[in-house]
């Protein structure tokens, strides 16, 4: 199954490269940027991400825009600031497929 990873960003130049590098599988990477004033877009683009400019602010708005543009059978959401462990994506995708699940959710406060 094809995986799309949607990452909303605004001024994440210090972390977006590491977030993308941490993704352990081949995936469509979509960075939905809300007019960053730093080098977020340039860094993400250099890592192979598809960039979508979303001028309307808001976390939910950025995700909705990303979902509308994703082509994967499975959509993974991440933050652009290393809040969530991207290295776990492979494990979760395998769990989705093996267990025939529709949805997995995680929180950033529980230690994995």
PDB file of N, CA and C in Angstrom:
ATOM      1  N   UNK A   1       0.837  -1.186   0.000  1.00  0.00           N
ATOM      2  CA  UNK A   1       0.000   0.000   0.000  1.00  0.00           C
ATOM      3  C   UNK A   1       0.878   1.244   0.000  1.00  0.00           C
ATOM      4  N   UNK A   2       0.416   2.256  -0.684  1.00  0.00           N
ATOM      5  CA  UNK A   2       1.149   3.518  -0.740  1.00  0.00           C
ATOM      6  C   UNK A   2       0.855   4.335   0.514  1.00  0.00           C
ATOM      7  N   UNK A   3       1.896   4.945   1.065  1.00  0.00           N
ATOM      8  CA  UNK A   3       1.777   5.748   2.278  1.00  0.00           C
ATOM      9  C   UNK A   3       2.065   7.209   1.951  1.00  0.00           C
ATOM     10  N   UNK A   4       1.214   8.085   2.459  1.00  0.00           N
ATOM     11  CA  UNK A   4       1.450   9.528   2.390  1.00  0.00           C
ATOM     12  C   UNK A   4       1.677  10.030   3.808  1.00  0.00           C
ATOM     13  N   UNK A   5       2.664  10.892   3.978  1.00  0.00           N
ATOM     14  CA  UNK A   5       2.948  11.506   5.272  1.00  0.00           C
ATOM     15  C   UNK A   5       2.675  12.999   5.138  1.00  0.00           C
ATOM     16  N   UNK A   6       1.753  13.511   5.950  1.00  0.00           N
ATOM     17  CA  UNK A   6       1.363  14.916   5.902  1.00  0.00           C
ATOM     18  C   UNK A   6       1.973  15.635   7.107  1.00  0.00           C
ATOM     19  N   UNK A   7       2.718  16.701   6.824  1.00  0.00           N
ATOM     20  CA  UNK A   7       3.419  17.440   7.869  1.00  0.00           C
ATOM     21  C   UNK A   7       3.082  18.928   7.746  1.00  0.00           C
ATOM     22  N   UNK A   8       2.285  19.482   8.674  1.00  0.00           N
ATOM     23  CA  UNK A   8       2.054  20.921   8.652  1.00  0.00           C
ATOM     24  C   UNK A   8       3.270  21.649   9.232  1.00  0.00           C
ATOM     25  N   UNK A   9       3.624  22.785   8.633  1.00  0.00           N
ATOM     26  CA  UNK A   9       4.789  23.526   9.123  1.00  0.00           C
ATOM     27  C   UNK A   9       4.554  25.025   9.119  1.00  0.00           C
ATOM     28  N   UNK A  10       5.263  25.671  10.010  1.00  0.00           N
ATOM     29  CA  UNK A  10       5.441  27.118   9.984  1.00  0.00           C
ATOM     30  C   UNK A  10       6.746  27.398  10.740  1.00  0.00           C
ATOM     31  N   UNK A  11       7.725  27.864   9.998  1.00  0.00           N
ATOM     32  CA  UNK A  11       9.038  28.206  10.567  1.00  0.00           C
ATOM     33  C   UNK A  11       9.676  27.041  11.324  1.00  0.00           C
ATOM     34  N   UNK A  12       9.872  25.930  10.635  1.00  0.00           N
ATOM     35  CA  UNK A  12      10.449  24.717  11.226  1.00  0.00           C
ATOM     36  C   UNK A  12      11.810  24.371  10.622  1.00  0.00           C
ATOM     37  N   UNK A  13      12.574  25.374  10.192  1.00  0.00           N
ATOM     38  CA  UNK A  13      13.838  25.086   9.514  1.00  0.00           C
ATOM     39  C   UNK A  13      14.816  24.297  10.378  1.00  0.00           C
ATOM     40  N   UNK A  14      14.740  24.437  11.686  1.00  0.00           N
ATOM     41  CA  UNK A  14      15.698  23.739  12.549  1.00  0.00           C
ATOM     42  C   UNK A  14      15.398  22.252  12.695  1.00  0.00           C
ATOM     43  N   UNK A  15      14.192  21.827  12.301  1.00  0.00           N
ATOM     44  CA  UNK A  15      13.825  20.424  12.535  1.00  0.00           C
ATOM     45  C   UNK A  15      13.252  19.678  11.338  1.00  0.00           C
ATOM     46  N   UNK A  16      12.723  20.364  10.339  1.00  0.00           N
ATOM     47  CA  UNK A  16      12.018  19.667   9.261  1.00  0.00           C
ATOM     48  C   UNK A  16      12.906  18.670   8.521  1.00  0.00           C
ATOM     49  N   UNK A  17      14.159  18.987   8.329  1.00  0.00           N
ATOM     50  CA  UNK A  17      15.065  18.045   7.659  1.00  0.00           C
ATOM     51  C   UNK A  17      15.212  16.756   8.439  1.00  0.00           C
ATOM     52  N   UNK A  18      15.351  16.863   9.745  1.00  0.00           N
ATOM     53  CA  UNK A  18      15.475  15.675  10.597  1.00  0.00           C
ATOM     54  C   UNK A  18      14.187  14.869  10.628  1.00  0.00           C
ATOM     55  N   UNK A  19      13.050  15.557  10.649  1.00  0.00           N
ATOM     56  CA  UNK A  19      11.759  14.854  10.635  1.00  0.00           C
ATOM     57  C   UNK A  19      11.657  14.006   9.370  1.00  0.00           C
ATOM     58  N   UNK A  20      11.939  14.590   8.230  1.00  0.00           N
ATOM     59  CA  UNK A  20      11.848  13.863   6.961  1.00  0.00           C
ATOM     60  C   UNK A  20      12.871  12.730   6.908  1.00  0.00           C
ATOM     61  N   UNK A  21      14.084  12.999   7.367  1.00  0.00           N
ATOM     62  CA  UNK A  21      15.122  11.960   7.366  1.00  0.00           C
ATOM     63  C   UNK A  21      14.756  10.771   8.246  1.00  0.00           C
ATOM     64  N   UNK A  22      13.965  11.007   9.285  1.00  0.00           N
ATOM     65  CA  UNK A  22      13.604   9.953  10.238  1.00  0.00           C
ATOM     66  C   UNK A  22      12.527   9.006   9.697  1.00  0.00           C
ATOM     67  N   UNK A  23      11.844   9.389   8.635  1.00  0.00           N
ATOM     68  CA  UNK A  23      10.779   8.552   8.077  1.00  0.00           C
ATOM     69  C   UNK A  23      11.426   7.296   7.488  1.00  0.00           C
ATOM     70  N   UNK A  24      11.089   6.103   8.034  1.00  0.00           N
ATOM     71  CA  UNK A  24      11.827   4.885   7.688  1.00  0.00           C
ATOM     72  C   UNK A  24      11.320   4.111   6.474  1.00  0.00           C
ATOM     73  N   UNK A  25      10.348   4.653   5.780  1.00  0.00           N
ATOM     74  CA  UNK A  25       9.781   3.938   4.637  1.00  0.00           C
ATOM     75  C   UNK A  25       9.701   4.873   3.439  1.00  0.00           C
ATOM     76  N   UNK A  26       9.530   4.261   2.274  1.00  0.00           N
ATOM     77  CA  UNK A  26       9.287   5.054   1.069  1.00  0.00           C
ATOM     78  C   UNK A  26       7.863   5.586   1.182  1.00  0.00           C
ATOM     79  N   UNK A  27       7.709   6.886   1.050  1.00  0.00           N
ATOM     80  CA  UNK A  27       6.388   7.487   1.211  1.00  0.00           C
ATOM     81  C   UNK A  27       6.314   8.790   0.426  1.00  0.00           C
ATOM     82  N   UNK A  28       5.097   9.165   0.103  1.00  0.00           N
ATOM     83  CA  UNK A  28       4.838  10.499  -0.429  1.00  0.00           C
ATOM     84  C   UNK A  28       4.870  11.438   0.781  1.00  0.00           C
ATOM     85  N   UNK A  29       5.765  12.396   0.766  1.00  0.00           N
ATOM     86  CA  UNK A  29       5.879  13.329   1.886  1.00  0.00           C
ATOM     87  C   UNK A  29       5.299  14.663   1.445  1.00  0.00           C
ATOM     88  N   UNK A  30       4.274  15.102   2.154  1.00  0.00           N
ATOM     89  CA  UNK A  30       3.592  16.347   1.834  1.00  0.00           C
ATOM     90  C   UNK A  30       3.798  17.315   2.992  1.00  0.00           C
ATOM     91  N   UNK A  31       4.475  18.417   2.723  1.00  0.00           N
ATOM     92  CA  UNK A  31       4.658  19.469   3.712  1.00  0.00           C
ATOM     93  C   UNK A  31       3.670  20.578   3.376  1.00  0.00           C
ATOM     94  N   UNK A  32       2.769  20.846   4.308  1.00  0.00           N
ATOM     95  CA  UNK A  32       1.785  21.907   4.131  1.00  0.00           C
ATOM     96  C   UNK A  32       2.292  23.098   4.945  1.00  0.00           C
ATOM     97  N   UNK A  33       2.781  24.096   4.246  1.00  0.00           N
ATOM     98  CA  UNK A  33       3.444  25.213   4.909  1.00  0.00           C
ATOM     99  C   UNK A  33       2.556  26.449   4.959  1.00  0.00           C
ATOM    100  N   UNK A  34       2.543  27.084   6.118  1.00  0.00           N
ATOM    101  CA  UNK A  34       1.740  28.292   6.331  1.00  0.00           C
ATOM    102  C   UNK A  34       2.618  29.538   6.313  1.00  0.00           C
ATOM    103  N   UNK A  35       3.197  29.793   5.151  1.00  0.00           N
ATOM    104  CA  UNK A  35       3.978  31.016   4.926  1.00  0.00           C
ATOM    105  C   UNK A  35       5.178  31.171   5.856  1.00  0.00           C
ATOM    106  N   UNK A  36       5.971  30.131   5.973  1.00  0.00           N
ATOM    107  CA  UNK A  36       7.190  30.217   6.784  1.00  0.00           C
ATOM    108  C   UNK A  36       8.078  31.347   6.277  1.00  0.00           C
ATOM    109  N   UNK A  37       8.708  32.025   7.202  1.00  0.00           N
ATOM    110  CA  UNK A  37       9.621  33.123   6.866  1.00  0.00           C
ATOM    111  C   UNK A  37      11.077  32.660   6.878  1.00  0.00           C
ATOM    112  N   UNK A  38      11.308  31.407   7.229  1.00  0.00           N
ATOM    113  CA  UNK A  38      12.665  30.866   7.278  1.00  0.00           C
ATOM    114  C   UNK A  38      12.883  29.925   6.093  1.00  0.00           C
ATOM    115  N   UNK A  39      13.759  28.965   6.224  1.00  0.00           N
ATOM    116  CA  UNK A  39      14.093  28.069   5.113  1.00  0.00           C
ATOM    117  C   UNK A  39      13.371  26.717   5.178  1.00  0.00           C
ATOM    118  N   UNK A  40      12.263  26.658   5.882  1.00  0.00           N
ATOM    119  CA  UNK A  40      11.509  25.409   5.997  1.00  0.00           C
ATOM    120  C   UNK A  40      11.208  24.805   4.633  1.00  0.00           C
ATOM    121  N   UNK A  41      10.639  25.595   3.749  1.00  0.00           N
ATOM    122  CA  UNK A  41      10.220  25.103   2.432  1.00  0.00           C
ATOM    123  C   UNK A  41      11.415  24.614   1.620  1.00  0.00           C
ATOM    124  N   UNK A  42      12.488  25.369   1.611  1.00  0.00           N
ATOM    125  CA  UNK A  42      13.671  24.985   0.842  1.00  0.00           C
ATOM    126  C   UNK A  42      14.264  23.676   1.350  1.00  0.00           C
ATOM    127  N   UNK A  43      14.326  23.532   2.666  1.00  0.00           N
ATOM    128  CA  UNK A  43      14.884  22.309   3.255  1.00  0.00           C
ATOM    129  C   UNK A  43      13.995  21.115   2.930  1.00  0.00           C
ATOM    130  N   UNK A  44      12.686  21.270   3.123  1.00  0.00           N
ATOM    131  CA  UNK A  44      11.756  20.169   2.842  1.00  0.00           C
ATOM    132  C   UNK A  44      11.818  19.767   1.374  1.00  0.00           C
ATOM    133  N   UNK A  45      11.863  20.756   0.500  1.00  0.00           N
ATOM    134  CA  UNK A  45      11.945  20.480  -0.937  1.00  0.00           C
ATOM    135  C   UNK A  45      13.230  19.727  -1.267  1.00  0.00           C
ATOM    136  N   UNK A  46      14.332  20.101  -0.637  1.00  0.00           N
ATOM    137  CA  UNK A  46      15.614  19.434  -0.902  1.00  0.00           C
ATOM    138  C   UNK A  46      15.612  17.982  -0.432  1.00  0.00           C
ATOM    139  N   UNK A  47      14.692  17.650   0.478  1.00  0.00           N
ATOM    140  CA  UNK A  47      14.560  16.276   0.984  1.00  0.00           C
ATOM    141  C   UNK A  47      13.542  15.476   0.174  1.00  0.00           C
ATOM    142  N   UNK A  48      12.989  16.090  -0.881  1.00  0.00           N
ATOM    143  CA  UNK A  48      12.061  15.388  -1.757  1.00  0.00           C
ATOM    144  C   UNK A  48      10.594  15.546  -1.415  1.00  0.00           C
ATOM    145  N   UNK A  49      10.281  16.427  -0.485  1.00  0.00           N
ATOM    146  CA  UNK A  49       8.878  16.617  -0.099  1.00  0.00           C
ATOM    147  C   UNK A  49       8.120  17.424  -1.147  1.00  0.00           C
ATOM    148  N   UNK A  50       6.846  17.104  -1.272  1.00  0.00           N
ATOM    149  CA  UNK A  50       5.927  17.906  -2.074  1.00  0.00           C
ATOM    150  C   UNK A  50       5.490  19.056  -1.166  1.00  0.00           C
ATOM    151  N   UNK A  51       5.578  20.278  -1.646  1.00  0.00           N
ATOM    152  CA  UNK A  51       5.252  21.451  -0.841  1.00  0.00           C
ATOM    153  C   UNK A  51       3.910  22.017  -1.276  1.00  0.00           C
ATOM    154  N   UNK A  52       3.057  22.249  -0.302  1.00  0.00           N
ATOM    155  CA  UNK A  52       1.781  22.916  -0.557  1.00  0.00           C
ATOM    156  C   UNK A  52       1.738  24.143   0.342  1.00  0.00           C
ATOM    157  N   UNK A  53       1.550  25.305  -0.248  1.00  0.00           N
ATOM    158  CA  UNK A  53       1.408  26.526   0.540  1.00  0.00           C
ATOM    159  C   UNK A  53      -0.048  26.657   0.969  1.00  0.00           C
ATOM    160  N   UNK A  54      -0.264  26.776   2.262  1.00  0.00           N
ATOM    161  CA  UNK A  54      -1.611  26.970   2.807  1.00  0.00           C
ATOM    162  C   UNK A  54      -1.607  28.282   3.586  1.00  0.00           C
ATOM    163  N   UNK A  55      -2.069  29.362   2.955  1.00  0.00           N
ATOM    164  CA  UNK A  55      -2.016  30.667   3.613  1.00  0.00           C
ATOM    165  C   UNK A  55      -2.976  30.804   4.797  1.00  0.00           C
ATOM    166  N   UNK A  56      -4.014  29.972   4.824  1.00  0.00           N
ATOM    167  CA  UNK A  56      -4.947  30.037   5.951  1.00  0.00           C
ATOM    168  C   UNK A  56      -4.301  29.329   7.136  1.00  0.00           C
ATOM    169  N   UNK A  57      -4.175  30.029   8.234  1.00  0.00           N
ATOM    170  CA  UNK A  57      -3.501  29.481   9.404  1.00  0.00           C
ATOM    171  C   UNK A  57      -4.365  28.449  10.117  1.00  0.00           C
ATOM    172  N   UNK A  58      -3.712  27.571  10.823  1.00  0.00           N
ATOM    173  CA  UNK A  58      -4.410  26.585  11.643  1.00  0.00           C
ATOM    174  C   UNK A  58      -3.934  25.178  11.366  1.00  0.00           C
ATOM    175  N   UNK A  59      -3.726  24.470  12.453  1.00  0.00           N
ATOM    176  CA  UNK A  59      -3.260  23.090  12.407  1.00  0.00           C
ATOM    177  C   UNK A  59      -4.242  22.205  11.638  1.00  0.00           C
ATOM    178  N   UNK A  60      -5.509  22.303  11.986  1.00  0.00           N
ATOM    179  CA  UNK A  60      -6.543  21.509  11.319  1.00  0.00           C
ATOM    180  C   UNK A  60      -6.664  21.840   9.845  1.00  0.00           C
ATOM    181  N   UNK A  61      -6.581  23.111   9.519  1.00  0.00           N
ATOM    182  CA  UNK A  61      -6.662  23.543   8.118  1.00  0.00           C
ATOM    183  C   UNK A  61      -5.506  22.949   7.318  1.00  0.00           C
ATOM    184  N   UNK A  62      -4.318  22.952   7.904  1.00  0.00           N
ATOM    185  CA  UNK A  62      -3.147  22.396   7.214  1.00  0.00           C
ATOM    186  C   UNK A  62      -3.325  20.903   6.974  1.00  0.00           C
ATOM    187  N   UNK A  63      -3.819  20.187   7.977  1.00  0.00           N
ATOM    188  CA  UNK A  63      -4.044  18.751   7.785  1.00  0.00           C
ATOM    189  C   UNK A  63      -5.100  18.505   6.715  1.00  0.00           C
ATOM    190  N   UNK A  64      -6.191  19.257   6.751  1.00  0.00           N
ATOM    191  CA  UNK A  64      -7.244  19.067   5.751  1.00  0.00           C
ATOM    192  C   UNK A  64      -6.690  19.283   4.341  1.00  0.00           C
ATOM    193  N   UNK A  65      -5.898  20.309   4.163  1.00  0.00           N
ATOM    194  CA  UNK A  65      -5.277  20.568   2.861  1.00  0.00           C
ATOM    195  C   UNK A  65      -4.364  19.418   2.461  1.00  0.00           C
ATOM    196  N   UNK A  66      -3.585  18.917   3.415  1.00  0.00           N
ATOM    197  CA  UNK A  66      -2.707  17.781   3.134  1.00  0.00           C
ATOM    198  C   UNK A  66      -3.480  16.539   2.749  1.00  0.00           C
ATOM    199  N   UNK A  67      -4.560  16.260   3.476  1.00  0.00           N
ATOM    200  CA  UNK A  67      -5.382  15.078   3.177  1.00  0.00           C
ATOM    201  C   UNK A  67      -5.972  15.170   1.774  1.00  0.00           C
ATOM    202  N   UNK A  68      -6.410  16.363   1.403  1.00  0.00           N
ATOM    203  CA  UNK A  68      -7.004  16.564   0.075  1.00  0.00           C
ATOM    204  C   UNK A  68      -5.996  16.326  -1.049  1.00  0.00           C
ATOM    205  N   UNK A  69      -4.725  16.480  -0.753  1.00  0.00           N
ATOM    206  CA  UNK A  69      -3.679  16.328  -1.766  1.00  0.00           C
ATOM    207  C   UNK A  69      -2.930  15.008  -1.686  1.00  0.00           C
ATOM    208  N   UNK A  70      -3.174  14.232  -0.652  1.00  0.00           N
ATOM    209  CA  UNK A  70      -2.477  12.954  -0.476  1.00  0.00           C
ATOM    210  C   UNK A  70      -3.008  11.917  -1.458  1.00  0.00           C
ATOM    211  N   UNK A  71      -2.108  11.090  -1.973  1.00  0.00           N
ATOM    212  CA  UNK A  71      -2.510  10.038  -2.908  1.00  0.00           C
ATOM    213  C   UNK A  71      -2.333   8.643  -2.318  1.00  0.00           C
ATOM    214  N   UNK A  72      -1.875   8.561  -1.082  1.00  0.00           N
ATOM    215  CA  UNK A  72      -1.623   7.262  -0.462  1.00  0.00           C
ATOM    216  C   UNK A  72      -2.882   6.550  -0.008  1.00  0.00           C
ATOM    217  N   UNK A  73      -2.759   5.233   0.132  1.00  0.00           N
ATOM    218  CA  UNK A  73      -3.829   4.419   0.700  1.00  0.00           C
ATOM    219  C   UNK A  73      -3.867   4.594   2.216  1.00  0.00           C
ATOM    220  N   UNK A  74      -2.713   4.898   2.780  1.00  0.00           N
ATOM    221  CA  UNK A  74      -2.562   5.136   4.213  1.00  0.00           C
ATOM    222  C   UNK A  74      -2.004   6.541   4.371  1.00  0.00           C
ATOM    223  N   UNK A  75      -2.602   7.313   5.283  1.00  0.00           N
ATOM    224  CA  UNK A  75      -2.114   8.661   5.552  1.00  0.00           C
ATOM    225  C   UNK A  75      -1.598   8.715   6.982  1.00  0.00           C
ATOM    226  N   UNK A  76      -0.364   9.180   7.113  1.00  0.00           N
ATOM    227  CA  UNK A  76       0.279   9.356   8.411  1.00  0.00           C
ATOM    228  C   UNK A  76       0.422  10.851   8.647  1.00  0.00           C
ATOM    229  N   UNK A  77       0.156  11.296   9.869  1.00  0.00           N
ATOM    230  CA  UNK A  77       0.357  12.701  10.207  1.00  0.00           C
ATOM    231  C   UNK A  77       1.536  12.838  11.162  1.00  0.00           C
ATOM    232  N   UNK A  78       2.305  13.872  10.948  1.00  0.00           N
ATOM    233  CA  UNK A  78       3.454  14.191  11.804  1.00  0.00           C
ATOM    234  C   UNK A  78       3.490  15.690  12.035  1.00  0.00           C
ATOM    235  N   UNK A  79       4.184  16.094  13.070  1.00  0.00           N
ATOM    236  CA  UNK A  79       4.491  17.506  13.260  1.00  0.00           C
ATOM    237  C   UNK A  79       5.874  17.768  12.675  1.00  0.00           C
ATOM    238  N   UNK A  80       6.136  19.002  12.339  1.00  0.00           N
ATOM    239  CA  UNK A  80       7.413  19.364  11.742  1.00  0.00           C
ATOM    240  C   UNK A  80       8.505  19.678  12.740  1.00  0.00           C
ATOM    241  N   UNK A  81       8.244  19.433  14.030  1.00  0.00           N
ATOM    242  CA  UNK A  81       9.206  19.828  15.061  1.00  0.00           C
ATOM    243  C   UNK A  81       9.738  18.660  15.892  1.00  0.00           C
ATOM    244  N   UNK A  82       9.696  17.460  15.338  1.00  0.00           N
ATOM    245  CA  UNK A  82      10.201  16.251  16.019  1.00  0.00           C
ATOM    246  C   UNK A  82       9.389  15.873  17.257  1.00  0.00           C
ATOM    247  N   UNK A  83       8.136  16.330  17.338  1.00  0.00           N
ATOM    248  CA  UNK A  83       7.284  16.000  18.480  1.00  0.00           C
ATOM    249  C   UNK A  83       6.955  14.515  18.518  1.00  0.00           C
ATOM    250  N   UNK A  84       6.720  13.930  17.359  1.00  0.00           N
ATOM    251  CA  UNK A  84       6.348  12.519  17.271  1.00  0.00           C
ATOM    252  C   UNK A  84       7.494  11.712  16.667  1.00  0.00           C
ATOM    253  N   UNK A  85       7.637  10.454  17.067  1.00  0.00           N
ATOM    254  CA  UNK A  85       8.736   9.616  16.563  1.00  0.00           C
ATOM    255  C   UNK A  85       8.439   9.042  15.175  1.00  0.00           C
ATOM    256  N   UNK A  86       8.917   9.702  14.150  1.00  0.00           N
ATOM    257  CA  UNK A  86       8.673   9.249  12.778  1.00  0.00           C
ATOM    258  C   UNK A  86       9.230   7.855  12.535  1.00  0.00           C
ATOM    259  N   UNK A  87      10.257   7.470  13.272  1.00  0.00           N
ATOM    260  CA  UNK A  87      10.861   6.147  13.074  1.00  0.00           C
ATOM    261  C   UNK A  87       9.881   5.011  13.380  1.00  0.00           C
ATOM    262  N   UNK A  88       8.759   5.301  14.046  1.00  0.00           N
ATOM    263  CA  UNK A  88       7.760   4.276  14.366  1.00  0.00           C
ATOM    264  C   UNK A  88       6.763   4.047  13.227  1.00  0.00           C
ATOM    265  N   UNK A  89       6.822   4.853  12.185  1.00  0.00           N
ATOM    266  CA  UNK A  89       5.839   4.755  11.103  1.00  0.00           C
ATOM    267  C   UNK A  89       5.797   3.352  10.508  1.00  0.00           C
ATOM    268  N   UNK A  90       6.936   2.779  10.227  1.00  0.00           N
ATOM    269  CA  UNK A  90       6.967   1.443   9.618  1.00  0.00           C
ATOM    270  C   UNK A  90       6.218   0.435  10.486  1.00  0.00           C
ATOM    271  N   UNK A  91       6.475   0.467  11.767  1.00  0.00           N
ATOM    272  CA  UNK A  91       5.812  -0.447  12.705  1.00  0.00           C
ATOM    273  C   UNK A  91       4.294  -0.256  12.686  1.00  0.00           C
ATOM    274  N   UNK A  92       3.844   0.990  12.681  1.00  0.00           N
ATOM    275  CA  UNK A  92       2.410   1.256  12.690  1.00  0.00           C
ATOM    276  C   UNK A  92       1.744   0.873  11.369  1.00  0.00           C
ATOM    277  N   UNK A  93       2.405   1.132  10.260  1.00  0.00           N
ATOM    278  CA  UNK A  93       1.853   0.742   8.958  1.00  0.00           C
ATOM    279  C   UNK A  93       1.729  -0.777   8.883  1.00  0.00           C
ATOM    280  N   UNK A  94       2.749  -1.487   9.332  1.00  0.00           N
ATOM    281  CA  UNK A  94       2.690  -2.954   9.341  1.00  0.00           C
ATOM    282  C   UNK A  94       1.551  -3.448  10.230  1.00  0.00           C
ATOM    283  N   UNK A  95       1.339  -2.800  11.370  1.00  0.00           N
ATOM    284  CA  UNK A  95       0.250  -3.173  12.271  1.00  0.00           C
ATOM    285  C   UNK A  95      -1.108  -2.935  11.605  1.00  0.00           C
ATOM    286  N   UNK A  96      -1.256  -1.794  10.937  1.00  0.00           N
ATOM    287  CA  UNK A  96      -2.501  -1.496  10.219  1.00  0.00           C
ATOM    288  C   UNK A  96      -2.830  -2.589   9.213  1.00  0.00           C
ATOM    289  N   UNK A  97      -1.823  -2.975   8.443  1.00  0.00           N
ATOM    290  CA  UNK A  97      -2.033  -3.969   7.391  1.00  0.00           C
ATOM    291  C   UNK A  97      -2.274  -5.358   7.974  1.00  0.00           C
ATOM    292  N   UNK A  98      -1.467  -5.768   8.922  1.00  0.00           N
ATOM    293  CA  UNK A  98      -1.575  -7.112   9.494  1.00  0.00           C
ATOM    294  C   UNK A  98      -2.893  -7.311  10.237  1.00  0.00           C
ATOM    295  N   UNK A  99      -3.259  -6.321  11.032  1.00  0.00           N
ATOM    296  CA  UNK A  99      -4.467  -6.431  11.855  1.00  0.00           C
ATOM    297  C   UNK A  99      -5.723  -5.956  11.129  1.00  0.00           C
ATOM    298  N   UNK A 100      -5.549  -5.491   9.890  1.00  0.00           N
ATOM    299  CA  UNK A 100      -6.665  -4.966   9.090  1.00  0.00           C
ATOM    300  C   UNK A 100      -7.412  -3.847   9.834  1.00  0.00           C
ATOM    301  N   UNK A 101      -6.631  -2.933  10.383  1.00  0.00           N
ATOM    302  CA  UNK A 101      -7.188  -1.802  11.117  1.00  0.00           C
ATOM    303  C   UNK A 101      -7.495  -0.656  10.164  1.00  0.00           C
ATOM    304  N   UNK A 102      -8.421   0.179  10.566  1.00  0.00           N
ATOM    305  CA  UNK A 102      -8.757   1.366   9.787  1.00  0.00           C
ATOM    306  C   UNK A 102      -8.001   2.597  10.274  1.00  0.00           C
ATOM    307  N   UNK A 103      -7.576   2.582  11.546  1.00  0.00           N
ATOM    308  CA  UNK A 103      -7.078   3.808  12.152  1.00  0.00           C
ATOM    309  C   UNK A 103      -6.214   3.484  13.360  1.00  0.00           C
ATOM    310  N   UNK A 104      -5.124   4.191  13.498  1.00  0.00           N
ATOM    311  CA  UNK A 104      -4.309   4.139  14.712  1.00  0.00           C
ATOM    312  C   UNK A 104      -4.071   5.581  15.128  1.00  0.00           C
ATOM    313  N   UNK A 105      -4.198   5.861  16.416  1.00  0.00           N
ATOM    314  CA  UNK A 105      -3.880   7.193  16.916  1.00  0.00           C
ATOM    315  C   UNK A 105      -2.873   7.076  18.047  1.00  0.00           C
ATOM    316  N   UNK A 106      -2.061   8.083  18.177  1.00  0.00           N
ATOM    317  CA  UNK A 106      -1.024   8.111  19.214  1.00  0.00           C
ATOM    318  C   UNK A 106      -1.041   9.486  19.866  1.00  0.00           C
ATOM    319  N   UNK A 107      -0.411   9.570  21.018  1.00  0.00           N
ATOM    320  CA  UNK A 107      -0.231  10.883  21.618  1.00  0.00           C
ATOM    321  C   UNK A 107       1.239  11.089  21.935  1.00  0.00           C
ATOM    322  N   UNK A 108       1.633  12.320  22.027  1.00  0.00           N
ATOM    323  CA  UNK A 108       3.049  12.624  22.221  1.00  0.00           C
ATOM    324  C   UNK A 108       3.495  12.552  23.668  1.00  0.00           C
ATOM    325  N   UNK A 109       2.583  12.294  24.572  1.00  0.00           N
ATOM    326  CA  UNK A 109       2.937  12.265  25.985  1.00  0.00           C
ATOM    327  C   UNK A 109       3.229  10.868  26.504  1.00  0.00           C
ATOM    328  N   UNK A 110       2.807   9.842  25.772  1.00  0.00           N
ATOM    329  CA  UNK A 110       3.042   8.466  26.187  1.00  0.00           C
ATOM    330  C   UNK A 110       4.371   7.996  25.628  1.00  0.00           C
ATOM    331  N   UNK A 111       5.202   7.456  26.487  1.00  0.00           N
ATOM    332  CA  UNK A 111       6.511   6.974  26.042  1.00  0.00           C
ATOM    333  C   UNK A 111       6.333   5.677  25.265  1.00  0.00           C
ATOM    334  N   UNK A 112       6.941   5.612  24.092  1.00  0.00           N
ATOM    335  CA  UNK A 112       6.828   4.418  23.250  1.00  0.00           C
ATOM    336  C   UNK A 112       7.945   3.448  23.544  1.00  0.00           C
TER     337      UNK A 112
END
